[in-house]
PDB file of N, CA and C in Angstrom:
ATOM      1  N   MET A   1     107.413  85.264 131.408  1.00  0.00           N
ATOM      2  CA  MET A   1     106.283  85.658 130.785  1.00  0.00           C
ATOM      3  C   MET A   1     106.350  86.613 129.666  1.00  0.00           C
ATOM      4  N   ASN A   2     107.611  87.683 129.967  1.00  0.00           N
ATOM      5  CA  ASN A   2     107.615  88.520 128.887  1.00  0.00           C
ATOM      6  C   ASN A   2     108.161  88.103 127.579  1.00  0.00           C
ATOM      7  N   ALA A   3     109.145  87.134 127.712  1.00  0.00           N
ATOM      8  CA  ALA A   3     109.479  86.473 126.558  1.00  0.00           C
ATOM      9  C   ALA A   3     108.377  85.887 125.617  1.00  0.00           C
ATOM     10  N   LEU A   4     107.211  85.162 126.099  1.00  0.00           N
ATOM     11  CA  LEU A   4     106.224  85.039 125.049  1.00  0.00           C
ATOM     12  C   LEU A   4     105.530  86.067 124.437  1.00  0.00           C
ATOM     13  N   TRP A   5     105.647  87.166 125.171  1.00  0.00           N
ATOM     14  CA  TRP A   5     104.899  88.518 124.357  1.00  0.00           C
ATOM     15  C   TRP A   5     105.748  89.005 123.337  1.00  0.00           C
ATOM     16  N   VAL A   6     107.227  89.007 123.640  1.00  0.00           N
ATOM     17  CA  VAL A   6     108.091  89.324 122.742  1.00  0.00           C
ATOM     18  C   VAL A   6     107.743  88.308 121.409  1.00  0.00           C
ATOM     19  N   PHE A   7     107.744  87.005 121.844  1.00  0.00           N
ATOM     20  CA  PHE A   7     107.760  85.967 120.618  1.00  0.00           C
ATOM     21  C   PHE A   7     106.595  86.165 119.900  1.00  0.00           C
ATOM     22  N   LEU A   8     105.238  86.450 120.630  1.00  0.00           N
ATOM     23  CA  LEU A   8     104.178  86.722 119.765  1.00  0.00           C
ATOM     24  C   LEU A   8     104.169  88.134 118.891  1.00  0.00           C
ATOM     25  N   GLY A   9     104.565  88.862 119.492  1.00  0.00           N
ATOM     26  CA  GLY A   9     104.520  90.424 118.836  1.00  0.00           C
ATOM     27  C   GLY A   9     105.552  90.274 117.457  1.00  0.00           C
ATOM     28  N   GLY A  10     106.692  89.929 117.953  1.00  0.00           N
ATOM     29  CA  GLY A  10     107.614  89.732 116.910  1.00  0.00           C
ATOM     30  C   GLY A  10     107.273  88.599 115.624  1.00  0.00           C
ATOM     31  N   GLY A  11     106.479  87.594 115.982  1.00  0.00           N
ATOM     32  CA  GLY A  11     106.054  86.993 114.793  1.00  0.00           C
ATOM     33  C   GLY A  11     104.977  87.855 113.892  1.00  0.00           C
ATOM     34  N   LEU A  12     103.900  88.554 114.575  1.00  0.00           N
ATOM     35  CA  LEU A  12     103.006  89.421 113.920  1.00  0.00           C
ATOM     36  C   LEU A  12     103.901  90.359 113.133  1.00  0.00           C
ATOM     37  N   GLY A  13     104.798  90.979 113.944  1.00  0.00           N
ATOM     38  CA  GLY A  13     105.601  92.131 113.125  1.00  0.00           C
ATOM     39  C   GLY A  13     106.248  91.618 111.740  1.00  0.00           C
ATOM     40  N   SER A  14     106.745  90.233 112.183  1.00  0.00           N
ATOM     41  CA  SER A  14     107.422  89.796 110.930  1.00  0.00           C
ATOM     42  C   SER A  14     106.633  89.418 109.970  1.00  0.00           C
ATOM     43  N   VAL A  15     105.475  88.933 110.028  1.00  0.00           N
ATOM     44  CA  VAL A  15     104.557  88.762 109.048  1.00  0.00           C
ATOM     45  C   VAL A  15     104.055  89.818 108.393  1.00  0.00           C
ATOM     46  N   LEU A  16     103.950  91.085 109.009  1.00  0.00           N
ATOM     47  CA  LEU A  16     103.734  92.143 108.201  1.00  0.00           C
ATOM     48  C   LEU A  16     104.802  92.646 107.556  1.00  0.00           C
ATOM     49  N   ARG A  17     106.045  92.478 107.986  1.00  0.00           N
ATOM     50  CA  ARG A  17     107.155  92.936 107.169  1.00  0.00           C
ATOM     51  C   ARG A  17     107.064  92.219 105.859  1.00  0.00           C
ATOM     52  N   TYR A  18     107.112  90.797 106.115  1.00  0.00           N
ATOM     53  CA  TYR A  18     107.072  90.100 104.658  1.00  0.00           C
ATOM     54  C   TYR A  18     105.728  90.534 103.687  1.00  0.00           C
ATOM     55  N   GLY A  19     104.735  90.843 104.478  1.00  0.00           N
ATOM     56  CA  GLY A  19     103.516  91.419 103.486  1.00  0.00           C
ATOM     57  C   GLY A  19     104.013  92.710 102.912  1.00  0.00           C
ATOM     58  N   ILE A  20     104.639  93.532 103.519  1.00  0.00           N
ATOM     59  CA  ILE A  20     105.028  94.730 102.898  1.00  0.00           C
ATOM     60  C   ILE A  20     106.168  94.426 101.811  1.00  0.00           C
ATOM     61  N   SER A  21     107.135  93.524 101.949  1.00  0.00           N
ATOM     62  CA  SER A  21     107.915  93.245 100.731  1.00  0.00           C
ATOM     63  C   SER A  21     107.363  92.589  99.587  1.00  0.00           C
ATOM     64  N   LEU A  22     106.123  91.709  99.783  1.00  0.00           N
ATOM     65  CA  LEU A  22     105.348  91.167  98.680  1.00  0.00           C
ATOM     66  C   LEU A  22     104.616  92.201  98.103  1.00  0.00           C
ATOM     67  N   GLY A  23     103.828  93.089  98.647  1.00  0.00           N
ATOM     68  CA  GLY A  23     103.245  94.312  98.033  1.00  0.00           C
ATOM     69  C   GLY A  23     104.166  95.282  97.411  1.00  0.00           C
ATOM     70  N   ALA A  24     105.453  95.402  97.727  1.00  0.00           N
ATOM     71  CA  ALA A  24     106.171  96.520  96.834  1.00  0.00           C
ATOM     72  C   ALA A  24     106.565  95.661  95.607  1.00  0.00           C
ATOM     73  N   LEU A  25     106.882  94.212  95.801  1.00  0.00           N
ATOM     74  CA  LEU A  25     107.093  93.638  94.479  1.00  0.00           C
ATOM     75  C   LEU A  25     106.104  93.843  93.511  1.00  0.00           C
ATOM     76  N   LYS A  26     104.836  93.298  94.044  1.00  0.00           N
ATOM     77  CA  LYS A  26     103.570  93.451  93.214  1.00  0.00           C
ATOM     78  C   LYS A  26     103.432  94.886  92.614  1.00  0.00           C
ATOM     79  N   LEU A  27     103.781  95.921  93.448  1.00  0.00           N
ATOM     80  CA  LEU A  27     103.447  97.168  92.790  1.00  0.00           C
ATOM     81  C   LEU A  27     104.836  97.708  92.110  1.00  0.00           C
ATOM     82  N   GLY A  28     105.688  96.710  91.680  1.00  0.00           N
ATOM     83  CA  GLY A  28     106.941  96.923  90.931  1.00  0.00           C
ATOM     84  C   GLY A  28     108.048  97.675  91.525  1.00  0.00           C
ATOM     85  N   PHE A  29     108.181  97.832  92.667  1.00  0.00           N
ATOM     86  CA  PHE A  29     109.301  98.439  93.623  1.00  0.00           C
ATOM     87  C   PHE A  29     110.313  97.474  93.481  1.00  0.00           C
ATOM     88  N   SER A  30     111.293  97.167  92.376  1.00  0.00           N
ATOM     89  CA  SER A  30     112.258  96.180  92.474  1.00  0.00           C
ATOM     90  C   SER A  30     113.250  96.882  91.511  1.00  0.00           C
ATOM     91  N   SER A  31     113.410  98.292  91.763  1.00  0.00           N
ATOM     92  CA  SER A  31     114.370  98.935  91.091  1.00  0.00           C
ATOM     93  C   SER A  31     115.748  98.871  91.497  1.00  0.00           C
ATOM     94  N   GLY A  32     116.008  98.181  92.719  1.00  0.00           N
ATOM     95  CA  GLY A  32     117.374  98.000  93.383  1.00  0.00           C
ATOM     96  C   GLY A  32     117.467  98.716  94.480  1.00  0.00           C
ATOM     97  N   PHE A  33     116.711  99.932  94.653  1.00  0.00           N
ATOM     98  CA  PHE A  33     116.614 100.454  95.987  1.00  0.00           C
ATOM     99  C   PHE A  33     115.648  99.932  96.901  1.00  0.00           C
ATOM    100  N   PRO A  34     116.049  99.503  98.169  1.00  0.00           N
ATOM    101  CA  PRO A  34     115.563  98.809  99.117  1.00  0.00           C
ATOM    102  C   PRO A  34     114.183  99.611  99.705  1.00  0.00           C
ATOM    103  N   TRP A  35     113.196  99.660  98.793  1.00  0.00           N
ATOM    104  CA  TRP A  35     111.939 100.300  99.311  1.00  0.00           C
ATOM    105  C   TRP A  35     111.172  99.736 100.540  1.00  0.00           C
ATOM    106  N   PRO A  36     111.254  98.434 100.190  1.00  0.00           N
ATOM    107  CA  PRO A  36     110.448  97.758 101.272  1.00  0.00           C
ATOM    108  C   PRO A  36     111.020  97.737 102.695  1.00  0.00           C
ATOM    109  N   THR A  37     112.255  97.896 102.806  1.00  0.00           N
ATOM    110  CA  THR A  37     112.867  97.802 104.267  1.00  0.00           C
ATOM    111  C   THR A  37     112.742  99.524 104.880  1.00  0.00           C
ATOM    112  N   LEU A  38     112.770 100.150 103.687  1.00  0.00           N
ATOM    113  CA  LEU A  38     112.613 101.683 104.101  1.00  0.00           C
ATOM    114  C   LEU A  38     111.165 101.787 104.722  1.00  0.00           C
ATOM    115  N   VAL A  39     110.294 101.487 103.949  1.00  0.00           N
ATOM    116  CA  VAL A  39     108.862 101.705 104.434  1.00  0.00           C
ATOM    117  C   VAL A  39     108.656 100.674 105.857  1.00  0.00           C
ATOM    118  N   ALA A  40     109.152  99.412 105.767  1.00  0.00           N
ATOM    119  CA  ALA A  40     108.700  98.581 106.959  1.00  0.00           C
ATOM    120  C   ALA A  40     109.470  99.239 108.471  1.00  0.00           C
ATOM    121  N   ASN A  41     110.564  99.840 108.134  1.00  0.00           N
ATOM    122  CA  ASN A  41     111.258 100.490 109.261  1.00  0.00           C
ATOM    123  C   ASN A  41     110.521 101.915 109.628  1.00  0.00           C
ATOM    124  N   GLY A  42     109.925 102.429 108.608  1.00  0.00           N
ATOM    125  CA  GLY A  42     109.256 103.736 108.925  1.00  0.00           C
ATOM    126  C   GLY A  42     108.006 103.427 109.720  1.00  0.00           C
ATOM    127  N   VAL A  43     107.381 102.519 109.121  1.00  0.00           N
ATOM    128  CA  VAL A  43     106.106 102.183 109.877  1.00  0.00           C
ATOM    129  C   VAL A  43     106.477 101.580 111.256  1.00  0.00           C
ATOM    130  N   ALA A  44     107.287 100.852 111.313  1.00  0.00           N
ATOM    131  CA  ALA A  44     107.625 100.446 112.875  1.00  0.00           C
ATOM    132  C   ALA A  44     107.990 101.664 113.877  1.00  0.00           C
ATOM    133  N   CYS A  45     108.901 102.531 113.298  1.00  0.00           N
ATOM    134  CA  CYS A  45     109.347 103.749 114.138  1.00  0.00           C
ATOM    135  C   CYS A  45     107.935 104.565 114.479  1.00  0.00           C
ATOM    136  N   MET A  46     107.036 104.771 113.368  1.00  0.00           N
ATOM    137  CA  MET A  46     106.039 105.429 113.485  1.00  0.00           C
ATOM    138  C   MET A  46     105.049 104.789 114.799  1.00  0.00           C
ATOM    139  N   VAL A  47     104.770 103.558 114.622  1.00  0.00           N
ATOM    140  CA  VAL A  47     104.054 102.966 115.586  1.00  0.00           C
ATOM    141  C   VAL A  47     104.789 103.041 116.944  1.00  0.00           C
ATOM    142  N   ALA A  48     105.955 102.694 116.855  1.00  0.00           N
ATOM    143  CA  ALA A  48     106.566 102.567 118.383  1.00  0.00           C
ATOM    144  C   ALA A  48     106.436 104.245 118.836  1.00  0.00           C
ATOM    145  N   GLY A  49     106.858 105.126 118.208  1.00  0.00           N
ATOM    146  CA  GLY A  49     106.487 106.702 118.615  1.00  0.00           C
ATOM    147  C   GLY A  49     105.005 106.661 119.059  1.00  0.00           C
ATOM    148  N   TRP A  50     104.002 106.446 118.177  1.00  0.00           N
ATOM    149  CA  TRP A  50     102.733 106.464 118.790  1.00  0.00           C
ATOM    150  C   TRP A  50     102.600 105.770 119.859  1.00  0.00           C
ATOM    151  N   LEU A  51     103.023 104.398 120.246  1.00  0.00           N
ATOM    152  CA  LEU A  51     102.636 103.816 121.444  1.00  0.00           C
ATOM    153  C   LEU A  51     103.369 104.614 122.530  1.00  0.00           C
ATOM    154  N   MET A  52     104.596 105.004 122.511  1.00  0.00           N
ATOM    155  CA  MET A  52     105.306 105.895 123.424  1.00  0.00           C
ATOM    156  C   MET A  52     104.445 106.901 123.945  1.00  0.00           C
ATOM    157  N   HIS A  53     103.855 107.734 122.964  1.00  0.00           N
ATOM    158  CA  HIS A  53     102.859 108.746 123.541  1.00  0.00           C
ATOM    159  C   HIS A  53     101.647 108.517 123.915  1.00  0.00           C
ATOM    160  N   GLY A  54     100.994 107.545 123.300  1.00  0.00           N
ATOM    161  CA  GLY A  54      99.558 107.359 123.636  1.00  0.00           C
ATOM    162  C   GLY A  54      99.164 106.461 124.680  1.00  0.00           C
ATOM    163  N   TRP A  55     100.413 105.449 125.030  1.00  0.00           N
ATOM    164  CA  TRP A  55     100.018 104.368 125.908  1.00  0.00           C
ATOM    165  C   TRP A  55     100.934 104.773 126.979  1.00  0.00           C
ATOM    166  N   GLY A  56     102.236 105.553 126.962  1.00  0.00           N
ATOM    167  CA  GLY A  56     103.123 105.817 128.057  1.00  0.00           C
ATOM    168  C   GLY A  56     103.439 104.312 128.734  1.00  0.00           C
ATOM    169  N   PHE A  57     103.952 103.408 127.800  1.00  0.00           N
ATOM    170  CA  PHE A  57     104.363 102.091 128.456  1.00  0.00           C
ATOM    171  C   PHE A  57     105.512 102.334 129.265  1.00  0.00           C
ATOM    172  N   SER A  58     105.356 101.366 130.651  1.00  0.00           N
ATOM    173  CA  SER A  58     106.527 101.331 131.630  1.00  0.00           C
ATOM    174  C   SER A  58     107.549 100.192 130.679  1.00  0.00           C
ATOM    175  N   MET A  59     108.602 100.196 131.049  1.00  0.00           N
ATOM    176  CA  MET A  59     109.550  99.321 130.615  1.00  0.00           C
ATOM    177  C   MET A  59     109.197  97.955 131.572  1.00  0.00           C
ATOM    178  N   GLY A  60     109.211  96.993 130.724  1.00  0.00           N
ATOM    179  CA  GLY A  60     109.001  95.846 131.211  1.00  0.00           C
ATOM    180  C   GLY A  60     107.487  95.196 131.676  1.00  0.00           C
ATOM    181  N   SER A  61     106.611  96.105 130.986  1.00  0.00           N
ATOM    182  CA  SER A  61     105.245  95.664 131.021  1.00  0.00           C
ATOM    183  C   SER A  61     104.933  94.721 129.776  1.00  0.00           C
ATOM    184  N   PHE A  62     103.794  94.008 130.028  1.00  0.00           N
ATOM    185  CA  PHE A  62     103.307  92.886 129.024  1.00  0.00           C
ATOM    186  C   PHE A  62     103.152  93.558 127.785  1.00  0.00           C
ATOM    187  N   LYS A  63     102.427  94.934 127.697  1.00  0.00           N
ATOM    188  CA  LYS A  63     102.249  95.766 126.554  1.00  0.00           C
ATOM    189  C   LYS A  63     103.658  96.042 125.700  1.00  0.00           C
ATOM    190  N   HIS A  64     104.501  96.591 126.680  1.00  0.00           N
ATOM    191  CA  HIS A  64     105.744  97.046 125.990  1.00  0.00           C
ATOM    192  C   HIS A  64     106.436  95.874 125.435  1.00  0.00           C
ATOM    193  N   ALA A  65     106.572  94.800 125.884  1.00  0.00           N
ATOM    194  CA  ALA A  65     107.052  93.744 125.302  1.00  0.00           C
ATOM    195  C   ALA A  65     106.575  93.144 124.115  1.00  0.00           C
ATOM    196  N   LEU A  66     105.227  93.102 124.163  1.00  0.00           N
ATOM    197  CA  LEU A  66     104.340  92.661 123.084  1.00  0.00           C
ATOM    198  C   LEU A  66     104.455  93.534 121.711  1.00  0.00           C
ATOM    199  N   LEU A  67     104.298  94.765 121.967  1.00  0.00           N
ATOM    200  CA  LEU A  67     103.984  95.712 120.917  1.00  0.00           C
ATOM    201  C   LEU A  67     105.349  96.526 120.510  1.00  0.00           C
ATOM    202  N   VAL A  68     106.042  97.138 121.406  1.00  0.00           N
ATOM    203  CA  VAL A  68     107.265  97.749 121.195  1.00  0.00           C
ATOM    204  C   VAL A  68     108.344  96.936 120.791  1.00  0.00           C
ATOM    205  N   ILE A  69     108.767  96.320 121.710  1.00  0.00           N
ATOM    206  CA  ILE A  69     109.870  95.096 121.560  1.00  0.00           C
ATOM    207  C   ILE A  69     109.570  93.972 120.466  1.00  0.00           C
ATOM    208  N   GLY A  70     108.423  93.474 120.680  1.00  0.00           N
ATOM    209  CA  GLY A  70     108.202  92.332 119.765  1.00  0.00           C
ATOM    210  C   GLY A  70     107.643  92.771 118.533  1.00  0.00           C
ATOM    211  N   PHE A  71     106.365  93.465 118.418  1.00  0.00           N
ATOM    212  CA  PHE A  71     105.981  93.740 117.179  1.00  0.00           C
ATOM    213  C   PHE A  71     106.840  94.781 116.353  1.00  0.00           C
ATOM    214  N   CYS A  72     107.006  95.726 116.780  1.00  0.00           N
ATOM    215  CA  CYS A  72     107.977  96.901 116.035  1.00  0.00           C
ATOM    216  C   CYS A  72     109.278  96.232 115.815  1.00  0.00           C
ATOM    217  N   GLY A  73     109.809  95.375 116.642  1.00  0.00           N
ATOM    218  CA  GLY A  73     111.101  94.897 116.535  1.00  0.00           C
ATOM    219  C   GLY A  73     111.179  93.958 115.345  1.00  0.00           C
ATOM    220  N   GLY A  74     110.076  92.963 115.273  1.00  0.00           N
ATOM    221  CA  GLY A  74     109.822  91.910 114.240  1.00  0.00           C
ATOM    222  C   GLY A  74     109.638  93.001 112.895  1.00  0.00           C
ATOM    223  N   LEU A  75     108.911  93.987 112.962  1.00  0.00           N
ATOM    224  CA  LEU A  75     108.584  94.647 111.829  1.00  0.00           C
ATOM    225  C   LEU A  75     109.677  95.437 111.037  1.00  0.00           C
ATOM    226  N   SER A  76     110.621  95.992 112.145  1.00  0.00           N
ATOM    227  CA  SER A  76     111.614  96.626 111.548  1.00  0.00           C
ATOM    228  C   SER A  76     112.868  95.771 111.464  1.00  0.00           C
ATOM    229  N   THR A  77     113.822  96.238 110.835  1.00  0.00           N
ATOM    230  CA  THR A  77     114.859  95.192 110.709  1.00  0.00           C
ATOM    231  C   THR A  77     116.302  95.948 110.171  1.00  0.00           C
ATOM    232  N   PHE A  78     117.212  96.271 111.345  1.00  0.00           N
ATOM    233  CA  PHE A  78     118.418  96.690 110.836  1.00  0.00           C
ATOM    234  C   PHE A  78     119.373  96.122 110.420  1.00  0.00           C
ATOM    235  N   SER A  79     119.322  94.613 110.477  1.00  0.00           N
ATOM    236  CA  SER A  79     120.283  93.829 109.784  1.00  0.00           C
ATOM    237  C   SER A  79     120.000  94.031 108.180  1.00  0.00           C
ATOM    238  N   THR A  80     118.649  93.857 107.731  1.00  0.00           N
ATOM    239  CA  THR A  80     118.342  93.723 106.414  1.00  0.00           C
ATOM    240  C   THR A  80     118.810  95.213 105.819  1.00  0.00           C
ATOM    241  N   PHE A  81     118.619  96.076 106.629  1.00  0.00           N
ATOM    242  CA  PHE A  81     118.918  97.592 106.097  1.00  0.00           C
ATOM    243  C   PHE A  81     120.650  97.723 105.944  1.00  0.00           C
ATOM    244  N   SER A  82     121.149  97.183 106.967  1.00  0.00           N
ATOM    245  CA  SER A  82     123.099  97.006 106.845  1.00  0.00           C
ATOM    246  C   SER A  82     123.072  96.203 105.831  1.00  0.00           C
ATOM    247  N   VAL A  83     122.544  95.153 105.252  1.00  0.00           N
ATOM    248  CA  VAL A  83     123.057  94.072 104.255  1.00  0.00           C
ATOM    249  C   VAL A  83     122.892  94.935 103.038  1.00  0.00           C
ATOM    250  N   GLU A  84     121.443  95.285 102.782  1.00  0.00           N
ATOM    251  CA  GLU A  84     121.149  96.145 101.594  1.00  0.00           C
ATOM    252  C   GLU A  84     122.026  97.190 101.353  1.00  0.00           C
ATOM    253  N   THR A  85     122.241  97.813 102.304  1.00  0.00           N
ATOM    254  CA  THR A  85     123.326  99.253 102.224  1.00  0.00           C
ATOM    255  C   THR A  85     124.737  98.811 101.693  1.00  0.00           C
ATOM    256  N   VAL A  86     125.257  97.627 102.127  1.00  0.00           N
ATOM    257  CA  VAL A  86     126.500  97.433 101.969  1.00  0.00           C
ATOM    258  C   VAL A  86     126.493  96.541 100.262  1.00  0.00           C
ATOM    259  N   SER A  87     125.348  96.007 100.288  1.00  0.00           N
ATOM    260  CA  SER A  87     125.270  95.364  98.694  1.00  0.00           C
ATOM    261  C   SER A  87     125.088  96.360  97.633  1.00  0.00           C
ATOM    262  N   LEU A  88     124.331  97.674  98.066  1.00  0.00           N
ATOM    263  CA  LEU A  88     124.403  98.863  97.212  1.00  0.00           C
ATOM    264  C   LEU A  88     126.026  99.170  97.062  1.00  0.00           C
ATOM    265  N   LEU A  89     126.823  99.376  97.797  1.00  0.00           N
ATOM    266  CA  LEU A  89     128.249  99.813  97.894  1.00  0.00           C
ATOM    267  C   LEU A  89     128.876  98.753  97.146  1.00  0.00           C
ATOM    268  N   GLN A  90     128.497  97.377  97.195  1.00  0.00           N
ATOM    269  CA  GLN A  90     129.386  96.708  96.479  1.00  0.00           C
ATOM    270  C   GLN A  90     129.115  96.679  94.991  1.00  0.00           C
ATOM    271  N   GLN A  91     127.921  96.880  94.702  1.00  0.00           N
ATOM    272  CA  GLN A  91     127.436  97.124  93.336  1.00  0.00           C
ATOM    273  C   GLN A  91     127.976  98.457  92.648  1.00  0.00           C
ATOM    274  N   GLY A  92     128.647  99.479  93.480  1.00  0.00           N
ATOM    275  CA  GLY A  92     129.132 100.653  93.039  1.00  0.00           C
ATOM    276  C   GLY A  92     127.956 101.656  93.080  1.00  0.00           C
ATOM    277  N   ARG A  93     126.827 101.396  93.638  1.00  0.00           N
ATOM    278  CA  ARG A  93     125.653 102.458  93.677  1.00  0.00           C
ATOM    279  C   ARG A  93     125.912 103.031  94.926  1.00  0.00           C
ATOM    280  N   TRP A  94     126.944 103.976  95.095  1.00  0.00           N
ATOM    281  CA  TRP A  94     127.145 104.720  96.219  1.00  0.00           C
ATOM    282  C   TRP A  94     126.201 105.773  96.511  1.00  0.00           C
ATOM    283  N   ASP A  95     125.477 106.320  95.438  1.00  0.00           N
ATOM    284  CA  ASP A  95     124.354 107.465  95.532  1.00  0.00           C
ATOM    285  C   ASP A  95     123.040 106.802  96.381  1.00  0.00           C
ATOM    286  N   TRP A  96     122.842 105.613  95.935  1.00  0.00           N
ATOM    287  CA  TRP A  96     121.655 104.617  96.503  1.00  0.00           C
ATOM    288  C   TRP A  96     122.095 104.544  97.996  1.00  0.00           C
ATOM    289  N   ALA A  97     123.118 103.802  98.141  1.00  0.00           N
ATOM    290  CA  ALA A  97     123.607 103.410  99.630  1.00  0.00           C
ATOM    291  C   ALA A  97     123.662 104.767 100.493  1.00  0.00           C
ATOM    292  N   VAL A  98     124.042 105.967  99.966  1.00  0.00           N
ATOM    293  CA  VAL A  98     124.167 107.012 100.785  1.00  0.00           C
ATOM    294  C   VAL A  98     122.739 107.622 100.911  1.00  0.00           C
ATOM    295  N   ALA A  99     121.945 107.574  99.939  1.00  0.00           N
ATOM    296  CA  ALA A  99     120.643 107.897 100.117  1.00  0.00           C
ATOM    297  C   ALA A  99     119.881 107.107 101.006  1.00  0.00           C
ATOM    298  N   ASN A 100     120.037 105.839 100.945  1.00  0.00           N
ATOM    299  CA  ASN A 100     119.453 104.846 102.015  1.00  0.00           C
ATOM    300  C   ASN A 100     119.613 105.204 103.463  1.00  0.00           C
ATOM    301  N   VAL A 101     121.060 105.401 103.731  1.00  0.00           N
ATOM    302  CA  VAL A 101     121.408 105.740 105.070  1.00  0.00           C
ATOM    303  C   VAL A 101     120.787 106.905 105.500  1.00  0.00           C
ATOM    304  N   ILE A 102     120.822 107.999 104.509  1.00  0.00           N
ATOM    305  CA  ILE A 102     120.312 109.271 105.048  1.00  0.00           C
ATOM    306  C   ILE A 102     118.848 109.117 105.310  1.00  0.00           C
ATOM    307  N   LEU A 103     118.051 108.707 104.338  1.00  0.00           N
ATOM    308  CA  LEU A 103     116.786 108.732 104.196  1.00  0.00           C
ATOM    309  C   LEU A 103     116.197 107.684 105.529  1.00  0.00           C
ATOM    310  N   SER A 104     116.622 106.660 105.712  1.00  0.00           N
ATOM    311  CA  SER A 104     116.458 105.546 106.857  1.00  0.00           C
ATOM    312  C   SER A 104     116.733 106.224 108.473  1.00  0.00           C
ATOM    313  N   VAL A 105     117.768 107.113 108.502  1.00  0.00           N
ATOM    314  CA  VAL A 105     117.971 107.260 109.717  1.00  0.00           C
ATOM    315  C   VAL A 105     117.157 108.835 110.033  1.00  0.00           C
ATOM    316  N   LEU A 106     117.063 109.832 109.068  1.00  0.00           N
ATOM    317  CA  LEU A 106     116.249 110.875 109.165  1.00  0.00           C
ATOM    318  C   LEU A 106     114.860 110.352 109.504  1.00  0.00           C
ATOM    319  N   MET A 107     114.192 109.629 108.434  1.00  0.00           N
ATOM    320  CA  MET A 107     113.047 109.148 108.500  1.00  0.00           C
ATOM    321  C   MET A 107     112.556 108.660 109.844  1.00  0.00           C
ATOM    322  N   CYS A 108     113.325 107.567 110.412  1.00  0.00           N
ATOM    323  CA  CYS A 108     112.987 106.899 111.515  1.00  0.00           C
ATOM    324  C   CYS A 108     113.169 107.827 112.755  1.00  0.00           C
ATOM    325  N   LEU A 109     114.178 108.293 112.628  1.00  0.00           N
ATOM    326  CA  LEU A 109     114.010 109.094 114.154  1.00  0.00           C
ATOM    327  C   LEU A 109     113.323 110.282 114.057  1.00  0.00           C
ATOM    328  N   GLY A 110     112.873 110.700 112.929  1.00  0.00           N
ATOM    329  CA  GLY A 110     111.892 111.787 112.795  1.00  0.00           C
ATOM    330  C   GLY A 110     110.596 111.304 113.044  1.00  0.00           C
ATOM    331  N   LEU A 111     110.282 110.232 112.709  1.00  0.00           N
ATOM    332  CA  LEU A 111     108.850 109.503 112.620  1.00  0.00           C
ATOM    333  C   LEU A 111     108.643 109.098 114.346  1.00  0.00           C
ATOM    334  N   VAL A 112     109.734 108.723 114.881  1.00  0.00           N
ATOM    335  CA  VAL A 112     109.568 108.145 116.517  1.00  0.00           C
ATOM    336  C   VAL A 112     109.370 109.378 117.011  1.00  0.00           C
ATOM    337  N   GLY A 113     110.110 110.793 116.849  1.00  0.00           N
ATOM    338  CA  GLY A 113     110.060 111.639 117.516  1.00  0.00           C
ATOM    339  C   GLY A 113     108.767 112.450 117.205  1.00  0.00           C
ATOM    340  N   TRP A 114     108.535 112.666 116.180  1.00  0.00           N
ATOM    341  CA  TRP A 114     107.036 113.257 115.732  1.00  0.00           C
ATOM    342  C   TRP A 114     105.806 112.599 116.432  1.00  0.00           C
ATOM    343  N   MET A 115     105.754 111.292 116.676  1.00  0.00           N
ATOM    344  CA  MET A 115     104.706 110.551 116.923  1.00  0.00           C
ATOM    345  C   MET A 115     104.902 110.514 118.576  1.00  0.00           C
ATOM    346  N   ALA A 116     105.989 110.522 119.155  1.00  0.00           N
ATOM    347  CA  ALA A 116     106.108 110.286 120.516  1.00  0.00           C
ATOM    348  C   ALA A 116     105.767 111.797 121.127  1.00  0.00           C
ATOM    349  N   TYR A 117     105.954 112.770 120.482  1.00  0.00           N
ATOM    350  CA  TYR A 117     105.746 114.294 121.169  1.00  0.00           C
ATOM    351  C   TYR A 117     104.611 114.913 120.776  1.00  0.00           C
ATOM    352  N   LYS A 118     104.105 114.593 119.289  1.00  0.00           N
ATOM    353  CA  LYS A 118     102.963 114.957 118.918  1.00  0.00           C
ATOM    354  C   LYS A 118     101.601 114.273 118.822  1.00  0.00           C
ATOM    355  N   GLY A 119     102.154 112.774 118.695  1.00  0.00           N
ATOM    356  CA  GLY A 119     101.149 111.639 118.807  1.00  0.00           C
ATOM    357  C   GLY A 119      99.688 112.118 118.219  1.00  0.00           C
TER     358      GLY A 119
END
């Protein structure tokens, strides 16, 4: 049954991620830096941290499957982050690639930690 919750949450998270990408394009964030992925990953980490603190999910519960694994997993995207970083490296944009890695890792860990402990 948990697979169904992961499926449903993942679909919702993926649709939100798509919306973030479309919104970023409409706002003019097409400079070559992967802002939509950074924002989506940050939001997913903040939500996951908030859920950890506020709801104290037990591993294996349907809420954990639906919201943390499914929704936050569908919203965040390590594969896109990796592809975009390698693409920046291939374009010779080492500065943006390094900035993307540093910003993503520090921001995401910071947001999960902050929300999980300060909530």
